[in-house]
Amino acid sequence: MQSEHSDKQTDSGMMYTGDKAKKILAEILANEKDGLYPLYYGDTGYYGEANDQYFVAFDNTTGDCWVEEFATEERAIHWIKNG
């Protein structure tokens, strides 16, 4: 089960979690412009899928919006924090 992390400010922007992160990632990807993702520039986030069987994390700190899947919530958070 996904733990209850709240959205929080990081050095580069906001880190979103849960349904809010899922919605924001969809908005970011839908608004791609010439290979860049200007919405939510500097922000990161993650959310669980398939009853938390895996986690989707995104990193838009550079405006390139990297997206990865992880087996655990801890690995998703580690990737966001450490690249």
N, C-alpha and C. Protein backbone atom coordinates (compact mmCIF):
# COMPACT_ATOMS: atom_id res chain seq x y z
N MET A 1 0.84 -1.18 0.00
CA MET A 1 0.00 0.00 0.00
C MET A 1 0.89 1.24 0.00
N GLN A 2 0.53 2.21 -0.82
CA GLN A 2 1.30 3.44 -0.90
C GLN A 2 1.19 4.20 0.41
N SER A 3 2.33 4.57 0.97
CA SER A 3 2.29 5.30 2.22
C SER A 3 1.76 6.71 1.99
N GLU A 4 1.36 7.33 3.04
CA GLU A 4 0.75 8.65 2.94
C GLU A 4 1.80 9.75 2.97
N HIS A 5 2.43 9.98 1.84
CA HIS A 5 3.36 11.10 1.72
C HIS A 5 2.54 12.29 1.25
N SER A 6 2.86 13.44 1.75
CA SER A 6 2.17 14.63 1.28
C SER A 6 3.08 15.33 0.28
N ASP A 7 2.47 16.12 -0.59
CA ASP A 7 3.24 16.91 -1.52
C ASP A 7 4.15 17.82 -0.71
N LYS A 8 5.39 18.00 -1.21
CA LYS A 8 6.30 18.85 -0.45
C LYS A 8 7.22 19.62 -1.38
N GLN A 9 7.68 20.73 -0.89
CA GLN A 9 8.63 21.57 -1.62
C GLN A 9 10.01 20.95 -1.54
N THR A 10 10.72 20.88 -2.68
CA THR A 10 12.10 20.43 -2.71
C THR A 10 12.97 21.60 -3.16
N ASP A 11 14.27 21.37 -3.24
CA ASP A 11 15.18 22.44 -3.68
C ASP A 11 14.86 22.91 -5.09
N SER A 12 14.38 22.00 -5.95
CA SER A 12 14.14 22.37 -7.35
C SER A 12 12.68 22.66 -7.67
N GLY A 13 11.75 22.25 -6.83
CA GLY A 13 10.32 22.45 -7.11
C GLY A 13 9.50 21.64 -6.15
N MET A 14 8.34 21.18 -6.61
CA MET A 14 7.45 20.37 -5.77
C MET A 14 7.64 18.89 -6.08
N MET A 15 7.43 18.04 -5.06
CA MET A 15 7.35 16.60 -5.26
C MET A 15 5.92 16.20 -4.93
N TYR A 16 5.21 15.71 -5.95
CA TYR A 16 3.81 15.31 -5.81
C TYR A 16 3.71 13.80 -5.63
N THR A 17 2.63 13.36 -4.97
CA THR A 17 2.42 11.94 -4.75
C THR A 17 0.98 11.55 -5.07
N GLY A 18 0.77 10.26 -5.23
CA GLY A 18 -0.56 9.72 -5.41
C GLY A 18 -1.29 10.20 -6.64
N ASP A 19 -2.61 10.32 -6.51
CA ASP A 19 -3.45 10.72 -7.64
C ASP A 19 -3.08 12.08 -8.20
N LYS A 20 -2.64 12.98 -7.33
CA LYS A 20 -2.24 14.30 -7.80
C LYS A 20 -1.02 14.19 -8.72
N ALA A 21 -0.05 13.36 -8.36
CA ALA A 21 1.13 13.15 -9.21
C ALA A 21 0.73 12.54 -10.55
N LYS A 22 -0.20 11.60 -10.54
CA LYS A 22 -0.66 10.97 -11.77
C LYS A 22 -1.32 12.00 -12.70
N LYS A 23 -2.14 12.85 -12.14
CA LYS A 23 -2.81 13.90 -12.92
C LYS A 23 -1.79 14.89 -13.49
N ILE A 24 -0.83 15.29 -12.67
CA ILE A 24 0.18 16.26 -13.11
C ILE A 24 1.04 15.66 -14.21
N LEU A 25 1.45 14.40 -14.08
CA LEU A 25 2.25 13.77 -15.14
C LEU A 25 1.47 13.74 -16.45
N ALA A 26 0.19 13.43 -16.41
CA ALA A 26 -0.64 13.44 -17.62
C ALA A 26 -0.67 14.83 -18.25
N GLU A 27 -0.80 15.86 -17.42
CA GLU A 27 -0.79 17.24 -17.93
C GLU A 27 0.56 17.59 -18.55
N ILE A 28 1.63 17.21 -17.89
CA ILE A 28 2.98 17.49 -18.41
C ILE A 28 3.14 16.85 -19.78
N LEU A 29 2.81 15.57 -19.89
CA LEU A 29 3.01 14.86 -21.15
C LEU A 29 2.10 15.37 -22.26
N ALA A 30 0.90 15.81 -21.91
CA ALA A 30 -0.05 16.31 -22.91
C ALA A 30 0.36 17.68 -23.45
N ASN A 31 1.24 18.37 -22.74
CA ASN A 31 1.63 19.71 -23.13
C ASN A 31 3.08 19.80 -23.61
N GLU A 32 3.59 18.70 -24.16
CA GLU A 32 4.95 18.68 -24.70
C GLU A 32 5.07 19.68 -25.84
N LYS A 33 6.16 20.42 -25.85
CA LYS A 33 6.42 21.42 -26.89
C LYS A 33 7.86 21.24 -27.37
N ASP A 34 8.02 20.77 -28.60
CA ASP A 34 9.35 20.62 -29.20
C ASP A 34 10.31 19.82 -28.32
N GLY A 35 9.82 18.74 -27.74
CA GLY A 35 10.66 17.88 -26.92
C GLY A 35 10.88 18.38 -25.50
N LEU A 36 10.24 19.46 -25.13
CA LEU A 36 10.35 19.98 -23.77
C LEU A 36 8.98 19.97 -23.09
N TYR A 37 9.00 19.96 -21.80
CA TYR A 37 7.78 19.85 -21.01
C TYR A 37 7.71 21.02 -20.04
N PRO A 38 7.18 22.17 -20.50
CA PRO A 38 7.24 23.39 -19.69
C PRO A 38 6.32 23.40 -18.46
N LEU A 39 5.23 22.65 -18.50
CA LEU A 39 4.35 22.64 -17.32
C LEU A 39 5.05 21.95 -16.16
N TYR A 40 4.89 22.50 -15.00
CA TYR A 40 5.47 21.95 -13.77
C TYR A 40 6.98 21.78 -13.88
N TYR A 41 7.62 22.71 -14.56
CA TYR A 41 9.09 22.70 -14.69
C TYR A 41 9.71 22.70 -13.30
N GLY A 42 10.64 21.79 -13.07
CA GLY A 42 11.31 21.70 -11.78
C GLY A 42 10.67 20.73 -10.80
N ASP A 43 9.53 20.17 -11.15
CA ASP A 43 8.80 19.31 -10.21
C ASP A 43 9.05 17.83 -10.46
N THR A 44 8.76 17.03 -9.44
CA THR A 44 8.89 15.58 -9.49
C THR A 44 7.65 14.97 -8.85
N GLY A 45 7.51 13.65 -8.98
CA GLY A 45 6.41 12.98 -8.31
C GLY A 45 6.40 11.50 -8.59
N TYR A 46 5.53 10.81 -7.88
CA TYR A 46 5.36 9.37 -8.09
C TYR A 46 3.98 8.94 -7.62
N TYR A 47 3.55 7.79 -8.13
CA TYR A 47 2.27 7.22 -7.73
C TYR A 47 2.29 5.72 -7.97
N GLY A 48 1.45 5.00 -7.25
CA GLY A 48 1.34 3.55 -7.40
C GLY A 48 0.32 3.19 -8.47
N GLU A 49 0.57 2.07 -9.15
CA GLU A 49 -0.35 1.54 -10.15
C GLU A 49 -0.67 0.09 -9.82
N ALA A 50 -1.79 -0.40 -10.32
CA ALA A 50 -2.21 -1.79 -10.12
C ALA A 50 -2.13 -2.18 -8.64
N ASN A 51 -2.84 -1.41 -7.83
CA ASN A 51 -2.85 -1.65 -6.38
C ASN A 51 -1.44 -1.66 -5.79
N ASP A 52 -0.64 -0.71 -6.24
CA ASP A 52 0.73 -0.53 -5.76
C ASP A 52 1.65 -1.71 -6.08
N GLN A 53 1.35 -2.44 -7.16
CA GLN A 53 2.25 -3.51 -7.60
C GLN A 53 3.51 -2.93 -8.23
N TYR A 54 3.42 -1.70 -8.72
CA TYR A 54 4.59 -0.97 -9.21
C TYR A 54 4.32 0.52 -9.07
N PHE A 55 5.38 1.30 -9.16
CA PHE A 55 5.29 2.74 -8.97
C PHE A 55 5.86 3.47 -10.17
N VAL A 56 5.18 4.52 -10.59
CA VAL A 56 5.62 5.36 -11.70
C VAL A 56 6.15 6.65 -11.08
N ALA A 57 7.37 7.02 -11.46
CA ALA A 57 7.98 8.25 -10.95
C ALA A 57 8.35 9.14 -12.13
N PHE A 58 8.24 10.45 -11.92
CA PHE A 58 8.67 11.39 -12.96
C PHE A 58 9.57 12.45 -12.37
N ASP A 59 10.47 12.94 -13.22
CA ASP A 59 11.43 13.97 -12.83
C ASP A 59 11.44 15.02 -13.93
N ASN A 60 10.85 16.16 -13.66
CA ASN A 60 10.80 17.25 -14.64
C ASN A 60 11.66 18.43 -14.17
N THR A 61 12.72 18.13 -13.41
CA THR A 61 13.57 19.20 -12.88
C THR A 61 14.29 19.97 -13.98
N THR A 62 14.52 19.34 -15.13
CA THR A 62 15.22 20.02 -16.23
C THR A 62 14.29 20.39 -17.37
N GLY A 63 12.99 20.05 -17.26
CA GLY A 63 12.05 20.30 -18.34
C GLY A 63 12.05 19.21 -19.40
N ASP A 64 12.81 18.12 -19.15
CA ASP A 64 12.86 16.99 -20.09
C ASP A 64 11.87 15.89 -19.72
N CYS A 65 11.34 15.90 -18.55
CA CYS A 65 10.36 14.96 -18.00
C CYS A 65 10.74 13.49 -18.21
N TRP A 66 11.64 13.02 -17.38
CA TRP A 66 12.01 11.61 -17.36
C TRP A 66 10.96 10.84 -16.57
N VAL A 67 10.59 9.65 -17.07
CA VAL A 67 9.58 8.82 -16.41
C VAL A 67 10.13 7.40 -16.31
N GLU A 68 10.01 6.80 -15.13
CA GLU A 68 10.50 5.44 -14.90
C GLU A 68 9.49 4.68 -14.04
N GLU A 69 9.52 3.34 -14.14
CA GLU A 69 8.70 2.47 -13.30
C GLU A 69 9.61 1.74 -12.32
N PHE A 70 9.09 1.52 -11.10
CA PHE A 70 9.86 0.87 -10.05
C PHE A 70 9.00 -0.18 -9.35
N ALA A 71 9.66 -1.21 -8.84
CA ALA A 71 8.96 -2.28 -8.13
C ALA A 71 8.48 -1.85 -6.76
N THR A 72 9.17 -0.87 -6.15
CA THR A 72 8.78 -0.44 -4.81
C THR A 72 8.70 1.08 -4.73
N GLU A 73 7.94 1.53 -3.77
CA GLU A 73 7.81 2.96 -3.51
C GLU A 73 9.16 3.54 -3.08
N GLU A 74 9.90 2.80 -2.28
CA GLU A 74 11.20 3.28 -1.81
C GLU A 74 12.16 3.54 -2.96
N ARG A 75 12.17 2.65 -3.96
CA ARG A 75 13.05 2.85 -5.12
C ARG A 75 12.62 4.06 -5.94
N ALA A 76 11.33 4.28 -6.06
CA ALA A 76 10.83 5.45 -6.78
C ALA A 76 11.29 6.73 -6.09
N ILE A 77 11.16 6.78 -4.78
CA ILE A 77 11.58 7.95 -4.01
C ILE A 77 13.10 8.14 -4.14
N HIS A 78 13.85 7.05 -4.03
CA HIS A 78 15.31 7.13 -4.14
C HIS A 78 15.71 7.70 -5.50
N TRP A 79 15.09 7.24 -6.57
CA TRP A 79 15.39 7.74 -7.92
C TRP A 79 15.11 9.24 -8.02
N ILE A 80 13.98 9.66 -7.48
CA ILE A 80 13.63 11.09 -7.53
C ILE A 80 14.68 11.91 -6.77
N LYS A 81 15.06 11.45 -5.62
CA LYS A 81 15.98 12.21 -4.79
C LYS A 81 17.44 12.14 -5.24
N ASN A 82 17.82 11.04 -5.89
CA ASN A 82 19.24 10.82 -6.20
C ASN A 82 19.54 10.66 -7.68
N GLY A 83 18.51 10.69 -8.51
CA GLY A 83 18.73 10.55 -9.95
C GLY A 83 19.10 9.18 -10.42
